[in-house]
C-alpha atoms as a PDB file:
ATOM      1  CA  UNK A   1      89.182 203.155 120.937  1.00  0.00           C
ATOM      2  CA  UNK A   2      90.407 204.315 117.467  1.00  0.00           C
ATOM      3  CA  UNK A   3      89.302 207.937 117.386  1.00  0.00           C
ATOM      4  CA  UNK A   4      92.026 208.491 114.352  1.00  0.00           C
ATOM      5  CA  UNK A   5      95.246 209.380 113.485  1.00  0.00           C
ATOM      6  CA  UNK A   6      97.557 212.463 114.456  1.00  0.00           C
ATOM      7  CA  UNK A   7      99.677 214.398 112.005  1.00  0.00           C
ATOM      8  CA  UNK A   8     102.734 212.154 111.180  1.00  0.00           C
ATOM      9  CA  UNK A   9      99.858 208.384 110.825  1.00  0.00           C
ATOM     10  CA  UNK A  10     100.112 207.796 114.170  1.00  0.00           C
ATOM     11  CA  UNK A  11      97.204 205.907 115.310  1.00  0.00           C
ATOM     12  CA  UNK A  12      95.181 207.886 118.246  1.00  0.00           C
ATOM     13  CA  UNK A  13      93.341 205.717 121.014  1.00  0.00           C
ATOM     14  CA  UNK A  14      91.417 206.193 123.892  1.00  0.00           C
ATOM     15  CA  UNK A  15      92.796 204.517 127.127  1.00  0.00           C
ATOM     16  CA  UNK A  16      91.900 203.933 130.323  1.00  0.00           C
ATOM     17  CA  UNK A  17      94.757 206.063 131.934  1.00  0.00           C
ATOM     18  CA  UNK A  18      94.843 209.548 133.299  1.00  0.00           C
ATOM     19  CA  UNK A  19      96.097 210.400 129.962  1.00  0.00           C
ATOM     20  CA  UNK A  20      92.407 209.260 128.123  1.00  0.00           C
ATOM     21  CA  UNK A  21      94.606 209.899 124.998  1.00  0.00           C
ATOM     22  CA  UNK A  22      97.781 208.367 123.841  1.00  0.00           C
ATOM     23  CA  UNK A  23      99.149 206.920 119.322  1.00  0.00           C
ATOM     24  CA  UNK A  24     100.619 203.538 119.094  1.00  0.00           C
ATOM     25  CA  UNK A  25     103.114 203.978 116.265  1.00  0.00           C
ATOM     26  CA  UNK A  26     104.855 200.866 116.610  1.00  0.00           C
ATOM     27  CA  UNK A  27     106.607 198.971 113.514  1.00  0.00           C
ATOM     28  CA  UNK A  28     103.320 197.754 111.731  1.00  0.00           C
ATOM     29  CA  UNK A  29     101.677 200.811 112.648  1.00  0.00           C
ATOM     30  CA  UNK A  30     103.929 204.069 111.504  1.00  0.00           C
ATOM     31  CA  UNK A  31     101.113 204.199 107.910  1.00  0.00           C
ATOM     32  CA  UNK A  32     101.786 203.067 104.176  1.00  0.00           C
ATOM     33  CA  UNK A  33     101.467 200.030 102.655  1.00  0.00           C
ATOM     34  CA  UNK A  34     101.886 197.121 105.642  1.00  0.00           C
ATOM     35  CA  UNK A  35     101.010 199.143 108.541  1.00  0.00           C
ATOM     36  CA  UNK A  36      98.444 197.973 111.058  1.00  0.00           C
ATOM     37  CA  UNK A  37      94.602 198.212 108.736  1.00  0.00           C
ATOM     38  CA  UNK A  38      96.450 197.254 106.085  1.00  0.00           C
ATOM     39  CA  UNK A  39      96.852 194.429 104.045  1.00  0.00           C
ATOM     40  CA  UNK A  40      98.571 193.591 100.426  1.00  0.00           C
ATOM     41  CA  UNK A  41      95.224 191.724  98.705  1.00  0.00           C
ATOM     42  CA  UNK A  42      95.054 188.677  96.422  1.00  0.00           C
ATOM     43  CA  UNK A  43      95.126 189.195  92.550  1.00  0.00           C
ATOM     44  CA  UNK A  44      91.181 187.601  92.957  1.00  0.00           C
ATOM     45  CA  UNK A  45      90.385 190.330  95.078  1.00  0.00           C
ATOM     46  CA  UNK A  46      92.265 193.149  93.079  1.00  0.00           C
ATOM     47  CA  UNK A  47      90.337 191.720  89.837  1.00  0.00           C
ATOM     48  CA  UNK A  48      86.947 192.109  91.485  1.00  0.00           C
ATOM     49  CA  UNK A  49      88.347 195.732  93.602  1.00  0.00           C
ATOM     50  CA  UNK A  50      89.618 197.382  90.271  1.00  0.00           C
ATOM     51  CA  UNK A  51      85.849 196.251  88.054  1.00  0.00           C
ATOM     52  CA  UNK A  52      83.349 196.804  91.397  1.00  0.00           C
ATOM     53  CA  UNK A  53      80.776 200.398  91.737  1.00  0.00           C
ATOM     54  CA  UNK A  54      79.350 198.915  94.848  1.00  0.00           C
ATOM     55  CA  UNK A  55      81.754 197.622  98.749  1.00  0.00           C
ATOM     56  CA  UNK A  56      78.769 195.968 101.234  1.00  0.00           C
ATOM     57  CA  UNK A  57      80.950 195.919 104.894  1.00  0.00           C
ATOM     58  CA  UNK A  58      78.251 193.376 106.716  1.00  0.00           C
ATOM     59  CA  UNK A  59      75.279 194.901 104.715  1.00  0.00           C
ATOM     60  CA  UNK A  60      75.932 198.724 104.836  1.00  0.00           C
ATOM     61  CA  UNK A  61      76.534 199.272 100.625  1.00  0.00           C
ATOM     62  CA  UNK A  62      78.747 202.161  99.757  1.00  0.00           C
ATOM     63  CA  UNK A  63      79.170 203.418  96.187  1.00  0.00           C
ATOM     64  CA  UNK A  64      82.617 202.844  95.203  1.00  0.00           C
ATOM     65  CA  UNK A  65      84.935 205.054  93.377  1.00  0.00           C
ATOM     66  CA  UNK A  66      88.323 202.430  93.074  1.00  0.00           C
ATOM     67  CA  UNK A  67      90.182 203.887  95.813  1.00  0.00           C
ATOM     68  CA  UNK A  68      88.147 205.180  99.021  1.00  0.00           C
ATOM     69  CA  UNK A  69      84.588 204.054 101.083  1.00  0.00           C
ATOM     70  CA  UNK A  70      83.155 205.177 104.748  1.00  0.00           C
ATOM     71  CA  UNK A  71      80.299 204.190 106.216  1.00  0.00           C
ATOM     72  CA  UNK A  72      79.945 207.178 108.259  1.00  0.00           C
ATOM     73  CA  UNK A  73      79.108 207.398 111.495  1.00  0.00           C
ATOM     74  CA  UNK A  74      76.413 204.725 113.056  1.00  0.00           C
ATOM     75  CA  UNK A  75      74.081 203.913 115.685  1.00  0.00           C
ATOM     76  CA  UNK A  76      76.006 202.675 118.548  1.00  0.00           C
ATOM     77  CA  UNK A  77      76.683 198.724 117.583  1.00  0.00           C
ATOM     78  CA  UNK A  78      76.242 199.294 114.108  1.00  0.00           C
ATOM     79  CA  UNK A  79      79.793 199.361 112.948  1.00  0.00           C
ATOM     80  CA  UNK A  80      80.282 202.050 110.981  1.00  0.00           C
ATOM     81  CA  UNK A  81      83.783 201.457 108.364  1.00  0.00           C
ATOM     82  CA  UNK A  82      86.228 203.025 106.415  1.00  0.00           C
ATOM     83  CA  UNK A  83      88.672 201.511 103.408  1.00  0.00           C
ATOM     84  CA  UNK A  84      90.535 202.977 101.368  1.00  0.00           C
ATOM     85  CA  UNK A  85      92.913 201.099  98.617  1.00  0.00           C
ATOM     86  CA  UNK A  86      95.989 201.579  96.085  1.00  0.00           C
ATOM     87  CA  UNK A  87      98.354 199.366  94.994  1.00  0.00           C
ATOM     88  CA  UNK A  88      97.515 196.122  95.741  1.00  0.00           C
ATOM     89  CA  UNK A  89      97.356 197.525  99.386  1.00  0.00           C
ATOM     90  CA  UNK A  90      93.348 197.476 101.385  1.00  0.00           C
ATOM     91  CA  UNK A  91      93.177 199.869 103.607  1.00  0.00           C
ATOM     92  CA  UNK A  92      90.094 198.465 106.823  1.00  0.00           C
ATOM     93  CA  UNK A  93      88.809 200.594 110.248  1.00  0.00           C
ATOM     94  CA  UNK A  94      86.212 199.453 111.165  1.00  0.00           C
ATOM     95  CA  UNK A  95      84.418 200.704 115.322  1.00  0.00           C
ATOM     96  CA  UNK A  96      80.384 200.272 116.374  1.00  0.00           C
ATOM     97  CA  UNK A  97      80.887 202.264 119.372  1.00  0.00           C
ATOM     98  CA  UNK A  98      82.305 199.373 121.661  1.00  0.00           C
ATOM     99  CA  UNK A  99      85.413 197.461 119.459  1.00  0.00           C
ATOM    100  CA  UNK A 100      87.835 198.154 116.885  1.00  0.00           C
ATOM    101  CA  UNK A 101      88.687 196.257 114.167  1.00  0.00           C
ATOM    102  CA  UNK A 102      91.376 196.852 111.436  1.00  0.00           C
ATOM    103  CA  UNK A 103      92.822 194.404 108.687  1.00  0.00           C
ATOM    104  CA  UNK A 104      96.774 193.488 109.935  1.00  0.00           C
ATOM    105  CA  UNK A 105     100.012 193.040 107.339  1.00  0.00           C
ATOM    106  CA  UNK A 106     100.863 190.076 106.575  1.00  0.00           C
ATOM    107  CA  UNK A 107     103.596 188.548 107.520  1.00  0.00           C
ATOM    108  CA  UNK A 108     103.428 189.620 110.433  1.00  0.00           C
ATOM    109  CA  UNK A 109     105.730 188.773 113.629  1.00  0.00           C
ATOM    110  CA  UNK A 110     105.340 189.084 117.224  1.00  0.00           C
ATOM    111  CA  UNK A 111     107.604 191.528 117.513  1.00  0.00           C
ATOM    112  CA  UNK A 112     106.680 194.176 115.468  1.00  0.00           C
ATOM    113  CA  UNK A 113     103.456 194.237 117.722  1.00  0.00           C
ATOM    114  CA  UNK A 114     104.005 193.756 120.918  1.00  0.00           C
ATOM    115  CA  UNK A 115     103.216 196.662 121.733  1.00  0.00           C
ATOM    116  CA  UNK A 116      99.641 197.017 120.168  1.00  0.00           C
ATOM    117  CA  UNK A 117      97.411 197.093 122.969  1.00  0.00           C
ATOM    118  CA  UNK A 118      95.148 194.596 120.958  1.00  0.00           C
ATOM    119  CA  UNK A 119      92.851 191.618 122.786  1.00  0.00           C
ATOM    120  CA  UNK A 120      92.088 189.059 120.613  1.00  0.00           C
ATOM    121  CA  UNK A 121      93.037 188.885 116.331  1.00  0.00           C
ATOM    122  CA  UNK A 122      90.164 186.664 114.149  1.00  0.00           C
ATOM    123  CA  UNK A 123      89.620 187.788 110.411  1.00  0.00           C
ATOM    124  CA  UNK A 124      88.072 189.697 107.645  1.00  0.00           C
ATOM    125  CA  UNK A 125      86.466 187.996 105.121  1.00  0.00           C
ATOM    126  CA  UNK A 126      87.588 189.809 101.963  1.00  0.00           C
ATOM    127  CA  UNK A 127      85.262 188.624  98.664  1.00  0.00           C
ATOM    128  CA  UNK A 128      85.330 185.235  99.825  1.00  0.00           C
ATOM    129  CA  UNK A 129      89.163 185.418 101.198  1.00  0.00           C
ATOM    130  CA  UNK A 130      90.470 185.495 105.047  1.00  0.00           C
ATOM    131  CA  UNK A 131      93.036 188.290 105.726  1.00  0.00           C
ATOM    132  CA  UNK A 132      93.803 188.206 109.077  1.00  0.00           C
ATOM    133  CA  UNK A 133      92.090 191.424 111.147  1.00  0.00           C
ATOM    134  CA  UNK A 134      93.154 192.909 115.124  1.00  0.00           C
ATOM    135  CA  UNK A 135      90.498 193.124 117.675  1.00  0.00           C
ATOM    136  CA  UNK A 136      91.149 196.470 119.829  1.00  0.00           C
ATOM    137  CA  UNK A 137      89.048 196.809 123.314  1.00  0.00           C
ATOM    138  CA  UNK A 138      86.915 193.822 123.329  1.00  0.00           C
ATOM    139  CA  UNK A 139      85.658 191.197 121.891  1.00  0.00           C
ATOM    140  CA  UNK A 140      86.654 189.632 118.036  1.00  0.00           C
ATOM    141  CA  UNK A 141      84.187 191.925 115.807  1.00  0.00           C
ATOM    142  CA  UNK A 142      83.526 189.968 113.361  1.00  0.00           C
ATOM    143  CA  UNK A 143      82.930 191.957 109.491  1.00  0.00           C
ATOM    144  CA  UNK A 144      82.321 190.974 105.519  1.00  0.00           C
ATOM    145  CA  UNK A 145      83.985 192.489 103.186  1.00  0.00           C
ATOM    146  CA  UNK A 146      82.312 192.567  99.795  1.00  0.00           C
ATOM    147  CA  UNK A 147      83.196 194.677  96.195  1.00  0.00           C
ATOM    148  CA  UNK A 148      80.553 194.446  93.361  1.00  0.00           C
END
């Protein structure tokens, strides 16, 4: 489970280790453009984001101000999420209490994330386009994002 970020941008996760919490900071998780959770968007998605006033993630809609939105805490099993957008790069993190999902940067070499504690990769559909995602600690978690 992702629990947030450290002051240096590393992702704090919960593990089964005796320490319980640890921060993961590898080549693709150091924060900023190209970090885990963030991916450059296509021209079509950038256009949709620029004109949108609302973002919908798995049927939960929130106002879109052009740069950030979140669903807030949801009941267990319902996806809580946060999105940010800057300079053509979209960042997404979601958590349903059992699993965490995030965008993966493209291109991504196997060496870049060899140390990530993820269980599977999948896709997030954004404005009808597929982007690669990582699912931490569980089964794939389907995510569909649309801007309107």
